[in-house]
Amino acid sequence: MSQSGRLGILGPVGATSSVTTRQAATFTFVPGLADPRCYSLKDASGRYLRHYAFRIRLDNDDGSVLFQKDATFCPRSGSTPGSVSLESYNYPGRYLRHRGGLQLWLDPSKNTAANRTSRSFVLVAPWT
């Protein structure tokens, strides 16, 4: 995952990418703001990955209950061994998913191979 301004996207990143690009693609899993059995994802600047109108974006914690719920994702098994899907805490059945190759959205689960693949992520060591 990465970011473009405040929007969550998928983008290429590797060892030869700039420090800025690697930082933008690095998220820390912390106990979920709405439920410590789940997770929230935080970037290097302290912003959280959250959904707003079902679009994934990065925002500062405003302290509201709604923000805490929007920024909490519960891990589920992904479509391939070693992958994980992130289900919305406050919209069960909706998962963090990439569309059109790059944009990240919170979409309903569909029992198709393409949907399962687009909501499965492999966690890697941090870039920073």
Protein backbone atom coordinates (compact mmCIF):
# COMPACT_ATOMS: atom_id res chain seq x y z
CA MET A 1 0.00 0.00 0.00
CA SER A 2 1.06 3.54 -0.50
CA GLN A 3 -0.45 6.98 -0.59
CA SER A 4 -1.03 9.84 -2.96
CA GLY A 5 -1.77 12.91 -0.90
CA ARG A 6 -4.52 11.66 1.38
CA LEU A 7 -5.72 8.76 -0.80
CA GLY A 8 -4.62 5.15 -0.40
CA ILE A 9 -3.20 3.58 -3.56
CA LEU A 10 -1.04 0.69 -4.67
CA GLY A 11 2.20 1.76 -6.23
CA PRO A 12 5.60 0.36 -7.08
CA VAL A 13 8.20 0.55 -4.33
CA GLY A 14 11.51 -1.19 -3.88
CA ALA A 15 14.95 -0.94 -2.34
CA THR A 16 16.02 1.60 -4.98
CA SER A 17 12.97 3.84 -4.47
CA SER A 18 13.48 7.23 -2.85
CA VAL A 19 13.27 7.54 0.92
CA THR A 20 10.05 9.52 0.50
CA THR A 21 8.47 6.76 -1.60
CA ARG A 22 9.52 4.05 0.85
CA GLN A 23 8.16 6.06 3.81
CA ALA A 24 4.84 6.58 2.00
CA ALA A 25 4.55 2.80 1.55
CA THR A 26 5.36 1.90 5.16
CA PHE A 27 2.55 1.36 7.66
CA THR A 28 2.74 0.16 11.24
CA PHE A 29 0.07 -2.18 12.55
CA VAL A 30 -1.14 -0.95 15.95
CA PRO A 31 -4.00 -2.24 18.14
CA GLY A 32 -7.31 -1.24 16.57
CA LEU A 33 -8.61 2.13 17.72
CA ALA A 34 -12.16 0.71 18.04
CA ASP A 35 -11.20 -2.86 19.04
CA PRO A 36 -7.76 -4.01 20.22
CA ARG A 37 -8.43 -7.49 18.76
CA CYS A 38 -8.24 -5.85 15.32
CA TYR A 39 -5.70 -3.40 13.84
CA SER A 40 -5.27 0.17 12.74
CA LEU A 41 -2.55 1.11 10.26
CA LYS A 42 -0.45 4.18 10.91
CA ASP A 43 2.01 5.92 8.57
CA ALA A 44 5.30 7.59 9.52
CA SER A 45 3.62 10.99 10.01
CA GLY A 46 1.05 9.56 12.45
CA ARG A 47 -1.91 9.49 10.07
CA TYR A 48 -4.20 6.48 10.02
CA LEU A 49 -5.50 4.51 7.09
CA ARG A 50 -9.29 4.77 7.22
CA HIS A 51 -12.31 4.70 4.95
CA TYR A 52 -14.43 7.72 4.20
CA ALA A 53 -17.35 7.29 1.80
CA PHE A 54 -15.80 3.83 1.22
CA ARG A 55 -12.60 5.35 -0.27
CA ILE A 56 -9.39 4.48 1.60
CA ARG A 57 -7.49 7.55 2.72
CA LEU A 58 -5.09 8.79 5.38
CA ASP A 59 -6.23 11.18 8.07
CA ASN A 60 -5.19 12.39 11.48
CA ASP A 61 -7.15 10.93 14.38
CA ASP A 62 -9.88 13.46 15.24
CA GLY A 63 -10.76 11.59 18.44
CA SER A 64 -14.28 10.71 17.30
CA VAL A 65 -15.86 7.29 17.72
CA LEU A 66 -16.63 7.28 13.98
CA PHE A 67 -12.96 7.84 13.11
CA GLN A 68 -11.91 5.03 15.45
CA LYS A 69 -14.34 2.64 13.74
CA ASP A 70 -13.38 3.80 10.23
CA ALA A 71 -9.69 3.22 11.03
CA THR A 72 -10.07 -0.30 12.44
CA PHE A 73 -9.67 -3.41 10.29
CA CYS A 74 -9.92 -7.04 11.38
CA PRO A 75 -7.57 -9.59 9.79
CA ARG A 76 -9.02 -12.50 7.87
CA SER A 77 -7.38 -15.22 5.80
CA GLY A 78 -6.38 -14.06 2.34
CA SER A 79 -6.87 -15.96 -0.91
CA THR A 80 -3.33 -17.37 -0.98
CA PRO A 81 -1.15 -18.84 1.77
CA GLY A 82 0.61 -16.08 3.70
CA SER A 83 -1.80 -13.35 2.63
CA VAL A 84 -4.29 -11.41 4.73
CA SER A 85 -7.57 -9.64 4.01
CA LEU A 86 -8.61 -6.65 6.12
CA GLU A 87 -12.31 -6.49 6.96
CA SER A 88 -13.87 -3.22 8.08
CA TYR A 89 -14.71 -3.11 11.77
CA ASN A 90 -17.82 -1.00 11.30
CA TYR A 91 -18.94 -2.46 7.96
CA PRO A 92 -18.64 -6.24 8.35
CA GLY A 93 -18.47 -7.95 4.96
CA ARG A 94 -16.61 -5.02 3.40
CA TYR A 95 -12.88 -5.37 2.80
CA LEU A 96 -9.96 -3.14 1.94
CA ARG A 97 -9.56 -3.88 -1.78
CA HIS A 98 -7.73 -2.46 -4.78
CA ARG A 99 -9.67 -1.43 -7.88
CA GLY A 100 -8.40 -0.63 -11.32
CA GLY A 101 -4.96 -1.76 -10.27
CA LEU A 102 -4.21 1.18 -8.00
CA GLN A 103 -7.07 2.73 -6.02
CA LEU A 104 -7.92 1.35 -2.57
CA TRP A 105 -11.58 1.10 -1.56
CA LEU A 106 -13.74 -0.57 1.05
CA ASP A 107 -15.85 -2.95 -1.02
CA PRO A 108 -18.33 -5.73 -0.30
CA SER A 109 -17.05 -9.28 -0.39
CA LYS A 110 -17.90 -11.23 -3.53
CA ASN A 111 -17.20 -14.91 -3.96
CA THR A 112 -15.16 -14.54 -7.14
CA ALA A 113 -11.47 -15.28 -7.65
CA ALA A 114 -10.82 -11.70 -8.81
CA ASN A 115 -12.48 -10.19 -5.73
CA ARG A 116 -10.67 -12.53 -3.32
CA THR A 117 -7.32 -11.75 -4.99
CA SER A 118 -7.87 -7.97 -4.98
CA ARG A 119 -8.54 -7.98 -1.23
CA SER A 120 -5.56 -10.18 -0.28
CA PHE A 121 -2.28 -8.59 0.75
CA VAL A 122 1.09 -10.04 1.66
CA LEU A 123 2.80 -8.33 4.58
CA VAL A 124 6.49 -7.56 4.11
CA ALA A 125 9.24 -6.07 6.26
CA PRO A 126 9.07 -2.25 6.55
CA TRP A 127 10.83 -0.16 3.92
CA THR A 128 12.01 2.38 6.47
